[in-house]
Amino acid sequence: MNLLIAIIPVALFSALAFWKLSSLLFMLVAGGSLILGLAWYDAYTTELGLTIGMILIGYSLVCLGFAFRCIFWVEEESEE
């Protein structure tokens, strides 16, 4: 039950990160979802628990990719 409560801040910070496109928030969500994904299978040792844990670990990699995009890929202004 504690992990179900712990997913709420990850979801809220995730929505805020996609809304503001902030690299710091994406890195915070990546760390939280990685830790949550690694702890999920320890608490729920079923096939569904393994699946949700792997999805959370994959989501942390996606968030790190978005953080990389926010840091290094800056859109250029057009000269019109």
C-alpha atoms as a PDB file:
ATOM      1  CA  MET A   1       0.000   0.000   0.000  1.00  0.00           C
ATOM      2  CA  ASN A   2       2.915   2.363   0.641  1.00  0.00           C
ATOM      3  CA  LEU A   3       4.071   2.083  -2.970  1.00  0.00           C
ATOM      4  CA  LEU A   4       0.632   3.014  -4.216  1.00  0.00           C
ATOM      5  CA  ILE A   5       0.872   6.194  -2.146  1.00  0.00           C
ATOM      6  CA  ALA A   6       4.435   6.809  -3.379  1.00  0.00           C
ATOM      7  CA  ILE A   7       3.309   6.809  -7.009  1.00  0.00           C
ATOM      8  CA  ILE A   8       1.166   9.929  -6.442  1.00  0.00           C
ATOM      9  CA  PRO A   9       4.132  12.383  -6.152  1.00  0.00           C
ATOM     10  CA  VAL A  10       5.779  10.773  -9.183  1.00  0.00           C
ATOM     11  CA  ALA A  11       2.604  11.314 -11.192  1.00  0.00           C
ATOM     12  CA  LEU A  12       2.178  14.905 -10.005  1.00  0.00           C
ATOM     13  CA  PHE A  13       5.802  15.862 -10.667  1.00  0.00           C
ATOM     14  CA  SER A  14       5.562  14.098 -14.016  1.00  0.00           C
ATOM     15  CA  ALA A  15       2.564  16.185 -15.061  1.00  0.00           C
ATOM     16  CA  LEU A  16       4.356  19.336 -13.910  1.00  0.00           C
ATOM     17  CA  ALA A  17       7.524  18.377 -15.807  1.00  0.00           C
ATOM     18  CA  PHE A  18       5.661  17.829 -19.069  1.00  0.00           C
ATOM     19  CA  TRP A  19       3.713  21.035 -18.565  1.00  0.00           C
ATOM     20  CA  LYS A  20       6.723  23.269 -17.860  1.00  0.00           C
ATOM     21  CA  LEU A  21       9.346  21.245 -19.838  1.00  0.00           C
ATOM     22  CA  SER A  22      11.859  21.602 -17.013  1.00  0.00           C
ATOM     23  CA  SER A  23      14.954  19.423 -17.083  1.00  0.00           C
ATOM     24  CA  LEU A  24      15.264  19.517 -13.289  1.00  0.00           C
ATOM     25  CA  LEU A  25      11.742  18.176 -12.853  1.00  0.00           C
ATOM     26  CA  PHE A  26      12.378  15.460 -15.440  1.00  0.00           C
ATOM     27  CA  MET A  27      15.477  14.350 -13.533  1.00  0.00           C
ATOM     28  CA  LEU A  28      13.523  14.349 -10.265  1.00  0.00           C
ATOM     29  CA  VAL A  29      10.782  12.208 -11.825  1.00  0.00           C
ATOM     30  CA  ALA A  30      13.391   9.876 -13.346  1.00  0.00           C
ATOM     31  CA  GLY A  31      15.012   9.260  -9.981  1.00  0.00           C
ATOM     32  CA  GLY A  32      11.706   8.744  -8.224  1.00  0.00           C
ATOM     33  CA  SER A  33      10.335   6.369 -10.829  1.00  0.00           C
ATOM     34  CA  LEU A  34      13.601   4.393 -10.928  1.00  0.00           C
ATOM     35  CA  ILE A  35      13.573   3.870  -7.170  1.00  0.00           C
ATOM     36  CA  LEU A  36       9.867   3.079  -7.230  1.00  0.00           C
ATOM     37  CA  GLY A  37      10.327   0.634 -10.096  1.00  0.00           C
ATOM     38  CA  LEU A  38      13.123  -1.193  -8.308  1.00  0.00           C
ATOM     39  CA  ALA A  39      11.104  -1.428  -5.090  1.00  0.00           C
ATOM     40  CA  TRP A  40       7.852  -2.445  -6.772  1.00  0.00           C
ATOM     41  CA  TYR A  41       8.774  -6.077  -7.465  1.00  0.00           C
ATOM     42  CA  ASP A  42      10.048  -6.533  -3.914  1.00  0.00           C
ATOM     43  CA  ALA A  43       6.622  -5.607  -2.580  1.00  0.00           C
ATOM     44  CA  TYR A  44       4.470  -7.308  -5.231  1.00  0.00           C
ATOM     45  CA  THR A  45       6.175 -10.541  -6.359  1.00  0.00           C
ATOM     46  CA  THR A  46       3.816 -11.455  -9.177  1.00  0.00           C
ATOM     47  CA  GLU A  47       4.020 -11.140 -12.936  1.00  0.00           C
ATOM     48  CA  LEU A  48       2.027  -7.924 -12.746  1.00  0.00           C
ATOM     49  CA  GLY A  49       4.429  -6.522 -10.147  1.00  0.00           C
ATOM     50  CA  LEU A  50       7.371  -7.327 -12.400  1.00  0.00           C
ATOM     51  CA  THR A  51       5.627  -5.699 -15.360  1.00  0.00           C
ATOM     52  CA  ILE A  52       4.812  -2.497 -13.470  1.00  0.00           C
ATOM     53  CA  GLY A  53       8.357  -2.343 -12.095  1.00  0.00           C
ATOM     54  CA  MET A  54       9.851  -2.665 -15.574  1.00  0.00           C
ATOM     55  CA  ILE A  55       7.461  -0.043 -16.940  1.00  0.00           C
ATOM     56  CA  LEU A  56       8.526   2.389 -14.199  1.00  0.00           C
ATOM     57  CA  ILE A  57      12.204   1.730 -14.943  1.00  0.00           C
ATOM     58  CA  GLY A  58      11.566   2.329 -18.645  1.00  0.00           C
ATOM     59  CA  TYR A  59       9.675   5.507 -17.809  1.00  0.00           C
ATOM     60  CA  SER A  60      12.680   6.755 -15.853  1.00  0.00           C
ATOM     61  CA  LEU A  61      14.811   6.300 -18.983  1.00  0.00           C
ATOM     62  CA  VAL A  62      12.217   8.223 -21.024  1.00  0.00           C
ATOM     63  CA  CYS A  63      12.313  11.053 -18.475  1.00  0.00           C
ATOM     64  CA  LEU A  64      16.102  11.155 -18.667  1.00  0.00           C
ATOM     65  CA  GLY A  65      15.790  11.437 -22.440  1.00  0.00           C
ATOM     66  CA  PHE A  66      13.408  14.373 -22.084  1.00  0.00           C
ATOM     67  CA  ALA A  67      15.778  15.999 -19.583  1.00  0.00           C
ATOM     68  CA  PHE A  68      18.602  15.617 -22.098  1.00  0.00           C
ATOM     69  CA  ARG A  69      16.390  17.186 -24.763  1.00  0.00           C
ATOM     70  CA  CYS A  70      15.505  20.139 -22.524  1.00  0.00           C
ATOM     71  CA  ILE A  71      19.146  20.789 -21.673  1.00  0.00           C
ATOM     72  CA  PHE A  72      20.897  20.411 -25.019  1.00  0.00           C
ATOM     73  CA  TRP A  73      18.350  20.864 -27.813  1.00  0.00           C
ATOM     74  CA  VAL A  74      17.442  24.527 -27.985  1.00  0.00           C
ATOM     75  CA  GLU A  75      15.111  25.654 -30.756  1.00  0.00           C
ATOM     76  CA  GLU A  76      16.581  28.308 -33.020  1.00  0.00           C
ATOM     77  CA  GLU A  77      14.626  31.452 -33.763  1.00  0.00           C
ATOM     78  CA  SER A  78      13.733  32.043 -37.396  1.00  0.00           C
ATOM     79  CA  GLU A  79      15.080  35.142 -39.140  1.00  0.00           C
ATOM     80  CA  GLU A  80      11.905  36.460 -40.738  1.00  0.00           C
END
